[in-house]
Amino acid sequence: MAISTGVPNKSVAVAVSSDKLSAYVTLKQIEEVEIPADMIRAALHAAGVVFGIDGDELAVMALAPEYGARHLVASGVAAEQGKPGFVEYLFRTTRELRPQERADGSYDYRELGFVENVNEGDALCRIVPNEPGTPGKNVLGDDVEPRKLPDIKLPAGRGTRISEDGMSLVAEVSGQVDLTGKSVTVMNTLTLEKCDISTGNIDFVGSVRITGNLAQGAKVTASGNVFIGGFIENGSITCGGNATIVGGINGQTGTEVRAGGTVKCKFIQNAKVLATGDIECGAIIQSQVFSSAAVKVVGAASKVLGAHIRARNSIECVSVGTSSSNAINIMEVGNDPALIERGKSLPGEIAENEKSIGQLERLRDVLTQLKAAGRATEDHEQKLVQVEESLANYRSKRELLDAEQIEVKEEMKSSGYGWITVTGTLNPRAELRIGTEVVRVDNEMNCVKFTRKIKEGIVTVPAR
């Protein structure tokens, strides 16, 4: 809308635009008199127009008036609007599953990137703040403020917290990060209906709960617990906590379960199971089962057939072997499986470390000779410093490995005691090991317990 304002002689009409950023003048020829620029300016002032007046335009109008024509004579300065801020996400907000490319250019269709892992304290998203605008001024001399931009809010959800400066959202726990609706959440338990080719392998910094089966060839790696509501069908688990398999493990060559805690399942067949804690199941068939605590094969129909069982403290089972089977069952206690595995791997690590030291020493000698001969470049001298640092690290690691090897050997010497209990039938072709002592069972035995004594070696007592 325009606001019209005249002056006493009614020869000058002023109109101000509705946004007050423009003012117009229309001259009216009422009498045979001149209309000087000062009169036009006075009319503008009377109408409140005091800013952005175009003096040149007023002069032209006074010298060559165009009566009835509308002239733009004043212009304000519009406010410069600010730039809205936004939330910048530091993780994948959309989950597009793609096979991982191998070094040789082929693709691994088991590694699809299903899980987006974050660790406690990781930044999940941050505020990119609003950029403020610049005030303007209208023709009436009033300041024109830019439009107020809305505050940016962080999409805090479960498992997250806002940083102290209020500008970032960080993970309160380790787990999977997701953008659910308008909130970012971090869940330390990943729940799936199944794990198969559609999900690919799972690698999760938290606990994993699969209500169905772990399908053939699938692998689950978790820092916490793993729960499988169905069966492991030739899949594998590695977890830092407990592993629970409701339906049992039905494996093939390569099927392996490793747990930093306990393992519980209905049966273990054609698989390798290793745990720091107890392993408890109803049957072990054609499998290797190693525990740094105890192994319990219990239940009404429990059996051990063609198995190698090793436990640090004790083994308890109901039935071992059958009268018609030629499968050999090995049960050993008194030695920590993890300690045995470490003892086996240490020589290789020490040899590899020695090989690296030898290579670095030869390179150091060459670089030292170049420097002594005055032929070393700046790159050579920098390389020499790096080689010396690496040598120091490898030598320090060698000392640690040597000390660990001595410690492992001493600990294995001091161990060697535990219990093997069979509450039902122990069939022939069983081999029992307690520490360094070995006994082979050639005749059927019932309800027996084996232990080791210092002088007598392995002794047998009734299991009650």
Protein backbone atom coordinates (compact mmCIF):
# COMPACT_ATOMS: atom_id res chain seq x y z
CA MET A 1 0.00 0.00 0.00
CA ALA A 2 1.19 3.53 -0.66
CA ILE A 3 0.86 6.38 1.79
CA SER A 4 0.09 9.69 0.09
CA THR A 5 1.03 12.94 1.74
CA GLY A 6 0.70 16.39 0.27
CA VAL A 7 2.07 19.82 1.20
CA PRO A 8 0.02 22.95 1.74
CA ASN A 9 0.17 23.95 -1.93
CA LYS A 10 -0.88 20.44 -2.94
CA SER A 11 1.61 20.43 -5.79
CA VAL A 12 3.80 17.61 -4.36
CA ALA A 13 2.37 14.18 -3.43
CA VAL A 14 4.60 11.72 -1.50
CA ALA A 15 3.95 7.96 -1.38
CA VAL A 16 5.90 5.49 0.83
CA SER A 17 5.86 1.79 -0.02
CA SER A 18 4.37 -0.66 2.43
CA ASP A 19 7.81 -2.04 3.32
CA LYS A 20 9.02 1.56 3.83
CA LEU A 21 12.07 0.91 1.70
CA SER A 22 10.95 3.17 -1.17
CA ALA A 23 9.47 6.69 -1.45
CA TYR A 24 7.87 8.19 -4.56
CA VAL A 25 6.90 11.73 -5.55
CA THR A 26 4.24 12.82 -8.03
CA LEU A 27 4.16 16.50 -9.12
CA LYS A 28 0.81 18.18 -9.78
CA GLN A 29 0.56 21.40 -11.83
CA ILE A 30 -1.89 23.46 -9.80
CA GLU A 31 -0.65 26.95 -10.68
CA GLU A 32 1.81 28.41 -13.14
CA VAL A 33 4.58 28.30 -10.56
CA GLU A 34 7.92 26.50 -10.36
CA ILE A 35 8.41 23.67 -7.90
CA PRO A 36 11.99 23.88 -6.62
CA ALA A 37 13.93 20.89 -5.27
CA ASP A 38 13.78 22.34 -1.76
CA MET A 39 9.99 22.24 -1.90
CA ILE A 40 10.07 18.59 -2.89
CA ARG A 41 12.58 17.81 -0.12
CA ALA A 42 10.37 19.68 2.39
CA ALA A 43 7.42 17.58 1.27
CA LEU A 44 9.43 14.41 1.82
CA HIS A 45 10.47 15.51 5.30
CA ALA A 46 6.90 16.38 6.11
CA ALA A 47 5.98 12.83 5.17
CA GLY A 48 8.76 11.51 7.43
CA VAL A 49 11.14 10.51 4.61
CA VAL A 50 14.62 11.38 5.81
CA PHE A 51 16.92 8.56 4.57
CA GLY A 52 18.17 7.55 1.15
CA ILE A 53 16.86 10.66 -0.64
CA ASP A 54 18.20 10.98 -4.22
CA GLY A 55 19.19 14.65 -4.52
CA ASP A 56 20.01 14.31 -8.23
CA GLU A 57 16.53 13.01 -8.95
CA LEU A 58 15.00 15.98 -7.06
CA ALA A 59 17.08 18.40 -9.13
CA VAL A 60 15.97 16.82 -12.42
CA MET A 61 12.34 16.96 -11.32
CA ALA A 62 12.67 20.63 -10.49
CA LEU A 63 14.35 21.56 -13.79
CA ALA A 64 12.17 19.46 -16.06
CA PRO A 65 9.03 18.52 -14.18
CA GLU A 66 6.88 15.68 -15.52
CA TYR A 67 3.51 16.36 -13.98
CA GLY A 68 1.49 13.31 -13.05
CA ALA A 69 4.48 10.98 -13.36
CA ARG A 70 5.60 8.86 -10.37
CA HIS A 71 9.31 9.22 -9.49
CA LEU A 72 11.39 7.07 -7.12
CA VAL A 73 13.15 9.66 -5.00
CA ALA A 74 14.31 7.73 -1.90
CA SER A 75 15.52 4.18 -1.32
CA GLY A 76 16.19 2.42 1.96
CA VAL A 77 18.69 -0.37 2.62
CA ALA A 78 17.11 -3.80 3.06
CA ALA A 79 18.36 -5.97 5.92
CA GLU A 80 20.71 -8.69 4.80
CA GLN A 81 19.22 -11.93 6.01
CA GLY A 82 21.41 -14.36 7.96
CA LYS A 83 22.26 -17.89 6.85
CA PRO A 84 20.40 -20.59 8.79
CA GLY A 85 22.56 -23.05 10.69
CA PHE A 86 22.12 -26.79 10.64
CA VAL A 87 23.12 -30.05 12.32
CA GLU A 88 26.10 -31.76 10.70
CA TYR A 89 26.02 -35.52 11.19
CA LEU A 90 29.36 -37.28 11.68
CA PHE A 91 28.07 -40.76 10.86
CA ARG A 92 26.16 -42.42 8.03
CA THR A 93 22.52 -41.42 8.44
CA THR A 94 21.40 -43.79 5.71
CA ARG A 95 22.36 -47.46 5.73
CA GLU A 96 23.34 -48.61 2.27
CA LEU A 97 24.74 -52.13 2.45
CA ARG A 98 27.64 -52.65 0.08
CA PRO A 99 30.13 -55.52 -0.17
CA GLN A 100 33.62 -54.61 0.95
CA GLU A 101 36.29 -54.49 -1.75
CA ARG A 102 39.32 -56.67 -1.07
CA ALA A 103 42.90 -55.67 -1.84
CA ASP A 104 42.86 -57.86 -4.98
CA GLY A 105 39.79 -56.07 -6.36
CA SER A 106 37.28 -58.79 -5.52
CA TYR A 107 34.36 -58.22 -3.17
CA ASP A 108 33.49 -59.78 0.18
CA TYR A 109 29.72 -60.18 0.22
CA ARG A 110 29.79 -61.13 3.91
CA GLU A 111 31.13 -57.69 4.90
CA LEU A 112 28.29 -55.30 4.14
CA GLY A 113 28.82 -52.60 6.78
CA PHE A 114 25.52 -53.34 8.51
CA VAL A 115 26.60 -51.83 11.83
CA GLU A 116 27.75 -48.26 12.40
CA ASN A 117 29.86 -48.55 15.55
CA VAL A 118 30.76 -45.67 17.84
CA ASN A 119 32.70 -45.60 21.08
CA GLU A 120 31.77 -43.83 24.29
CA GLY A 121 32.74 -40.16 23.98
CA ASP A 122 32.71 -40.09 20.16
CA ALA A 123 31.16 -37.00 18.57
CA LEU A 124 27.99 -37.95 16.67
CA CYS A 125 26.91 -34.61 15.26
CA ARG A 126 27.59 -30.92 15.77
CA ILE A 127 25.83 -27.61 15.33
CA VAL A 128 26.92 -25.42 12.46
CA PRO A 129 25.63 -22.13 13.93
CA ASN A 130 23.47 -19.50 12.28
CA GLU A 131 25.36 -16.79 10.44
CA PRO A 132 23.88 -13.47 11.66
CA GLY A 133 22.46 -11.01 9.14
CA THR A 134 23.13 -7.25 8.78
CA PRO A 135 20.52 -4.61 9.82
CA GLY A 136 19.19 -2.26 7.15
CA LYS A 137 17.44 1.15 7.27
CA ASN A 138 14.15 2.28 5.76
CA VAL A 139 13.39 5.67 4.16
CA LEU A 140 11.85 6.89 7.45
CA GLY A 141 15.27 6.45 9.12
CA ASP A 142 14.27 3.40 11.17
CA ASP A 143 16.57 0.40 11.55
CA VAL A 144 15.34 -2.74 9.82
CA GLU A 145 16.41 -5.88 11.66
CA PRO A 146 17.02 -9.14 9.76
CA ARG A 147 14.57 -11.97 10.36
CA LYS A 148 15.36 -13.88 13.55
CA LEU A 149 16.64 -17.34 12.79
CA PRO A 150 15.44 -20.26 14.92
CA ASP A 151 17.88 -21.82 17.40
CA ILE A 152 19.47 -25.09 16.29
CA LYS A 153 18.70 -28.01 18.59
CA LEU A 154 20.78 -31.15 18.83
CA PRO A 155 18.76 -34.36 18.18
CA ALA A 156 19.65 -36.00 21.50
CA GLY A 157 18.21 -39.46 21.98
CA ARG A 158 18.86 -42.50 24.12
CA GLY A 159 22.53 -43.26 24.75
CA THR A 160 23.71 -39.74 23.91
CA ARG A 161 24.55 -36.55 25.78
CA ILE A 162 25.17 -32.94 24.83
CA SER A 163 28.72 -31.67 25.20
CA GLU A 164 29.58 -29.06 27.80
CA ASP A 165 29.71 -26.25 25.24
CA GLY A 166 26.30 -27.29 23.92
CA MET A 167 27.57 -27.54 20.36
CA SER A 168 28.02 -31.29 19.93
CA LEU A 169 26.19 -34.53 20.63
CA VAL A 170 28.41 -37.34 21.91
CA ALA A 171 27.92 -41.03 22.58
CA GLU A 172 27.23 -41.83 26.23
CA VAL A 173 27.85 -45.54 25.61
CA SER A 174 29.62 -47.64 23.00
CA GLY A 175 27.31 -49.25 20.47
CA GLN A 176 25.39 -48.71 17.26
CA VAL A 177 24.43 -45.17 16.27
CA ASP A 178 21.20 -44.54 14.37
CA LEU A 179 19.12 -41.58 13.27
CA THR A 180 15.65 -42.67 14.34
CA GLY A 181 13.03 -40.17 13.28
CA LYS A 182 14.44 -36.87 14.50
CA SER A 183 16.65 -38.32 17.26
CA VAL A 184 20.13 -39.77 17.30
CA THR A 185 20.37 -42.88 19.47
CA VAL A 186 23.21 -45.15 20.53
CA MET A 187 22.21 -48.66 21.56
CA ASN A 188 24.69 -50.90 23.35
CA THR A 189 22.63 -53.96 22.43
CA LEU A 190 22.06 -54.78 18.78
CA THR A 191 18.91 -56.86 18.23
CA LEU A 192 18.33 -58.76 14.98
CA GLU A 193 15.89 -61.42 13.85
CA LYS A 194 18.68 -63.33 12.12
CA CYS A 195 22.23 -63.01 10.86
CA ASP A 196 22.72 -64.26 7.31
CA ILE A 197 23.70 -63.08 3.83
CA SER A 198 21.16 -60.22 4.04
CA THR A 199 22.93 -58.63 7.01
CA GLY A 200 26.46 -59.82 6.35
CA ASN A 201 28.88 -60.32 9.20
CA ILE A 202 28.26 -58.34 12.38
CA ASP A 203 31.07 -56.49 14.19
CA PHE A 204 29.63 -54.60 17.15
CA VAL A 205 31.02 -52.70 20.15
CA GLY A 206 28.36 -53.89 22.56
CA SER A 207 26.11 -56.92 23.00
CA VAL A 208 24.33 -58.71 20.15
CA ARG A 209 20.94 -60.40 20.45
CA ILE A 210 19.77 -62.53 17.53
CA THR A 211 16.30 -63.96 18.06
CA GLY A 212 16.66 -66.49 15.24
CA ASN A 213 19.60 -68.41 13.77
CA LEU A 214 23.18 -67.56 12.97
CA ALA A 215 23.23 -68.79 9.41
CA GLN A 216 25.88 -70.74 7.54
CA GLY A 217 29.16 -68.85 7.19
CA ALA A 218 27.97 -65.80 9.16
CA LYS A 219 30.24 -64.28 11.80
CA VAL A 220 29.37 -62.20 14.84
CA THR A 221 32.03 -60.21 16.68
CA ALA A 222 30.96 -58.31 19.79
CA SER A 223 32.72 -56.65 22.70
CA GLY A 224 29.85 -57.63 25.01
CA ASN A 225 27.55 -60.65 25.23
CA VAL A 226 26.05 -62.61 22.33
CA PHE A 227 22.64 -64.30 22.50
CA ILE A 228 21.40 -66.60 19.73
CA GLY A 229 17.76 -67.58 20.12
CA GLY A 230 18.03 -70.39 17.58
CA PHE A 231 21.00 -72.37 16.28
CA ILE A 232 24.47 -71.65 15.03
CA GLU A 233 24.41 -73.22 11.59
CA ASN A 234 28.11 -73.34 10.71
CA GLY A 235 28.61 -69.74 11.81
CA SER A 236 31.13 -68.26 14.23
CA ILE A 237 31.09 -66.01 17.31
CA THR A 238 33.79 -63.97 18.99
CA CYS A 239 32.69 -61.98 22.03
CA GLY A 240 34.19 -60.31 25.05
CA GLY A 241 31.36 -61.42 27.33
CA ASN A 242 29.08 -64.44 27.60
CA ALA A 243 27.77 -66.48 24.65
CA THR A 244 24.34 -68.10 24.93
CA ILE A 245 23.04 -70.30 22.12
CA VAL A 246 19.56 -71.55 22.93
CA GLY A 247 19.38 -74.14 20.15
CA GLY A 248 22.99 -75.28 20.14
CA ILE A 249 25.93 -75.30 17.73
CA ASN A 250 25.66 -77.36 14.57
CA GLY A 251 28.93 -76.67 12.83
CA GLN A 252 31.37 -77.78 10.19
CA THR A 253 35.10 -77.27 9.70
CA GLY A 254 35.91 -73.72 10.78
CA THR A 255 32.93 -73.21 13.07
CA GLU A 256 34.27 -71.51 16.19
CA VAL A 257 32.91 -69.81 19.29
CA ARG A 258 35.26 -67.69 21.41
CA ALA A 259 33.97 -66.02 24.57
CA GLY A 260 35.63 -63.85 27.19
CA GLY A 261 32.98 -65.06 29.63
CA THR A 262 30.86 -68.22 29.76
CA VAL A 263 29.32 -70.31 27.00
CA LYS A 264 25.93 -72.02 27.40
CA CYS A 265 24.17 -74.10 24.74
CA LYS A 266 22.19 -77.31 24.24
CA PHE A 267 24.91 -79.08 22.29
CA ILE A 268 28.20 -78.60 20.48
CA GLN A 269 28.73 -80.56 17.28
CA ASN A 270 31.62 -80.26 14.80
CA ALA A 271 32.89 -77.04 16.31
CA LYS A 272 35.63 -75.46 18.37
CA VAL A 273 34.56 -73.60 21.52
CA LEU A 274 36.91 -71.59 23.72
CA ALA A 275 35.90 -69.62 26.81
CA THR A 276 37.49 -67.86 29.73
CA GLY A 277 34.56 -68.81 31.93
CA ASP A 278 32.59 -72.04 32.31
CA ILE A 279 31.26 -73.93 29.31
CA GLU A 280 27.96 -75.69 29.94
CA CYS A 281 26.04 -77.80 27.43
CA GLY A 282 24.08 -81.03 27.02
CA ALA A 283 26.35 -82.79 24.51
CA ILE A 284 29.75 -82.49 22.86
CA ILE A 285 30.16 -84.39 19.59
CA GLN A 286 33.24 -84.35 17.37
CA SER A 287 34.35 -81.02 18.84
CA GLN A 288 37.14 -79.26 20.70
CA VAL A 289 35.96 -77.52 23.86
CA PHE A 290 38.46 -75.52 25.93
CA SER A 291 37.72 -73.55 29.11
CA SER A 292 39.94 -71.56 31.46
CA ALA A 293 37.48 -72.54 34.23
CA ALA A 294 35.21 -75.60 34.03
CA VAL A 295 33.35 -77.68 31.44
CA LYS A 296 29.98 -79.19 32.39
CA VAL A 297 28.20 -81.62 30.07
CA VAL A 298 25.01 -82.24 31.99
CA GLY A 299 21.40 -83.18 31.41
CA ALA A 300 19.26 -86.27 31.05
CA ALA A 301 20.52 -87.14 27.56
CA SER A 302 23.99 -85.62 27.83
CA LYS A 303 26.91 -87.33 26.11
CA VAL A 304 30.49 -86.83 24.99
CA LEU A 305 31.51 -88.46 21.72
CA GLY A 306 34.71 -87.93 19.73
CA ALA A 307 35.55 -84.85 21.75
CA HIS A 308 38.65 -83.11 23.06
CA ILE A 309 37.77 -81.28 26.27
CA ARG A 310 40.28 -79.17 28.18
CA ALA A 311 39.53 -77.20 31.36
CA ARG A 312 41.67 -75.41 33.90
CA ASN A 313 39.71 -76.56 36.96
CA SER A 314 37.29 -79.41 36.28
CA ILE A 315 35.28 -81.43 33.78
CA GLU A 316 31.90 -82.92 34.71
CA CYS A 317 29.89 -85.14 32.40
CA VAL A 318 27.37 -87.97 32.49
CA SER A 319 28.29 -90.29 29.62
CA VAL A 320 31.57 -90.48 27.68
CA GLY A 321 31.74 -92.46 24.42
CA THR A 322 29.64 -95.51 23.53
CA SER A 323 30.34 -99.22 23.55
CA SER A 324 30.09 -99.37 19.76
CA SER A 325 32.04 -96.23 18.88
CA ASN A 326 35.73 -96.18 18.02
CA ALA A 327 35.94 -92.41 18.56
CA ILE A 328 38.62 -91.37 21.06
CA ASN A 329 37.62 -88.91 23.77
CA ILE A 330 40.32 -86.77 25.33
CA MET A 331 39.62 -84.97 28.61
CA GLU A 332 42.28 -82.91 30.35
CA VAL A 333 42.33 -80.63 33.36
CA GLY A 334 44.91 -78.71 35.32
CA ASN A 335 46.20 -76.58 32.45
CA ASP A 336 44.71 -73.31 31.30
CA PRO A 337 43.76 -73.57 27.59
CA ALA A 338 44.43 -69.88 27.08
CA LEU A 339 47.83 -70.31 28.70
CA ILE A 340 48.61 -73.29 26.46
CA GLU A 341 47.60 -71.37 23.33
CA ARG A 342 49.70 -68.40 24.42
CA GLY A 343 52.64 -70.71 25.07
CA LYS A 344 52.31 -72.05 21.53
CA SER A 345 52.06 -68.62 19.90
CA LEU A 346 54.89 -66.91 21.80
CA PRO A 347 57.83 -68.60 19.99
CA GLY A 348 56.46 -67.44 16.65
CA GLU A 349 56.03 -63.87 17.88
CA ILE A 350 59.53 -63.85 19.33
CA ALA A 351 61.00 -65.17 16.07
CA GLU A 352 59.12 -62.56 14.04
CA ASN A 353 60.30 -59.84 16.41
CA GLU A 354 63.93 -61.05 16.05
CA LYS A 355 63.57 -61.00 12.27
CA SER A 356 62.36 -57.38 12.34
CA ILE A 357 65.24 -56.37 14.64
CA GLY A 358 67.75 -57.96 12.27
CA GLN A 359 66.30 -56.12 9.25
CA LEU A 360 66.32 -52.80 11.09
CA GLU A 361 69.89 -53.30 12.33
CA ARG A 362 71.12 -53.92 8.78
CA LEU A 363 69.33 -50.81 7.53
CA ARG A 364 70.73 -48.77 10.42
CA ASP A 365 74.27 -49.92 9.59
CA VAL A 366 73.93 -48.81 5.95
CA LEU A 367 72.55 -45.40 6.91
CA THR A 368 75.25 -44.93 9.56
CA GLN A 369 77.97 -45.68 6.98
CA LEU A 370 76.49 -43.14 4.57
CA LYS A 371 76.45 -40.52 7.31
CA ALA A 372 80.06 -41.28 8.33
CA ALA A 373 81.14 -40.92 4.69
CA GLY A 374 79.36 -37.57 4.36
CA ARG A 375 77.03 -38.94 1.70
CA ALA A 376 73.81 -38.97 3.71
CA THR A 377 71.00 -36.77 2.45
CA GLU A 378 68.45 -35.10 4.71
CA ASP A 379 66.05 -37.98 3.94
CA HIS A 380 68.74 -40.48 4.97
CA GLU A 381 69.25 -38.74 8.30
CA GLN A 382 65.52 -38.61 8.99
CA LYS A 383 65.23 -42.29 8.09
CA LEU A 384 68.11 -43.10 10.48
CA VAL A 385 66.25 -41.42 13.34
CA GLN A 386 63.09 -43.40 12.52
CA VAL A 387 65.03 -46.68 12.34
CA GLU A 388 66.63 -46.06 15.75
CA GLU A 389 63.20 -45.36 17.26
CA SER A 390 61.75 -48.53 15.72
CA LEU A 391 64.71 -50.57 16.97
CA ALA A 392 64.17 -49.31 20.49
CA ASN A 393 60.48 -50.28 20.30
CA TYR A 394 61.20 -53.78 18.96
CA ARG A 395 63.90 -54.39 21.58
CA SER A 396 61.54 -53.27 24.32
CA LYS A 397 58.87 -55.60 22.93
CA ARG A 398 61.41 -58.46 22.87
CA GLU A 399 62.12 -57.98 26.57
CA LEU A 400 58.39 -58.11 27.31
CA LEU A 401 57.92 -61.24 25.19
CA ASP A 402 60.89 -62.99 26.84
CA ALA A 403 59.53 -62.13 30.30
CA GLU A 404 56.06 -63.36 29.31
CA GLN A 405 57.47 -66.63 27.98
CA ILE A 406 59.26 -67.29 31.28
CA GLU A 407 56.08 -66.44 33.19
CA VAL A 408 53.96 -68.77 31.04
CA LYS A 409 56.39 -71.65 31.47
CA GLU A 410 56.55 -71.17 35.26
CA GLU A 411 52.78 -70.97 35.54
CA MET A 412 52.34 -74.13 33.49
CA LYS A 413 54.84 -75.94 35.73
CA SER A 414 52.96 -74.94 38.88
CA SER A 415 49.59 -76.02 37.49
CA GLY A 416 48.43 -79.54 36.79
CA TYR A 417 45.67 -80.33 39.25
CA GLY A 418 41.91 -80.62 38.85
CA TRP A 419 38.97 -83.04 38.69
CA ILE A 420 37.37 -85.13 35.94
CA THR A 421 33.99 -86.48 37.01
CA VAL A 422 31.82 -88.97 35.10
CA THR A 423 28.52 -89.57 36.88
CA GLY A 424 27.33 -92.20 34.36
CA THR A 425 29.31 -94.49 32.06
CA LEU A 426 32.90 -93.90 30.97
CA ASN A 427 33.40 -96.12 27.93
CA PRO A 428 36.76 -97.42 26.66
CA ARG A 429 38.98 -95.43 24.30
CA ALA A 430 39.09 -92.42 26.59
CA GLU A 431 42.29 -90.59 27.41
CA LEU A 432 42.43 -88.59 30.64
CA ARG A 433 45.12 -85.99 31.29
CA ILE A 434 45.68 -84.17 34.56
CA GLY A 435 48.68 -81.90 34.35
CA THR A 436 51.52 -83.96 32.89
CA GLU A 437 49.97 -87.27 33.96
CA VAL A 438 48.07 -89.38 31.41
CA VAL A 439 45.82 -92.42 31.86
CA ARG A 440 44.03 -94.38 29.14
CA VAL A 441 40.73 -96.10 29.85
CA ASP A 442 40.44 -99.55 28.26
CA ASN A 443 37.52 -100.89 30.29
CA GLU A 444 34.08 -99.52 31.03
CA MET A 445 33.84 -97.56 34.27
CA ASN A 446 30.85 -96.11 36.05
CA CYS A 447 30.36 -93.18 38.38
CA VAL A 448 34.03 -92.26 38.81
CA LYS A 449 36.07 -89.20 39.62
CA PHE A 450 39.71 -88.71 38.65
CA THR A 451 42.20 -86.38 40.30
CA ARG A 452 45.95 -86.14 40.67
CA LYS A 453 48.05 -86.50 43.79
CA ILE A 454 51.70 -85.62 44.15
CA LYS A 455 53.00 -89.13 44.88
CA GLU A 456 50.36 -91.40 43.39
CA GLY A 457 49.69 -89.54 40.15
CA ILE A 458 46.14 -89.89 38.79
CA VAL A 459 43.83 -91.63 41.23
CA THR A 460 40.24 -92.77 40.94
CA VAL A 461 37.52 -92.32 43.54
CA PRO A 462 33.75 -92.91 43.40
CA ALA A 463 31.71 -89.96 42.17
CA ARG A 464 28.99 -89.23 44.68
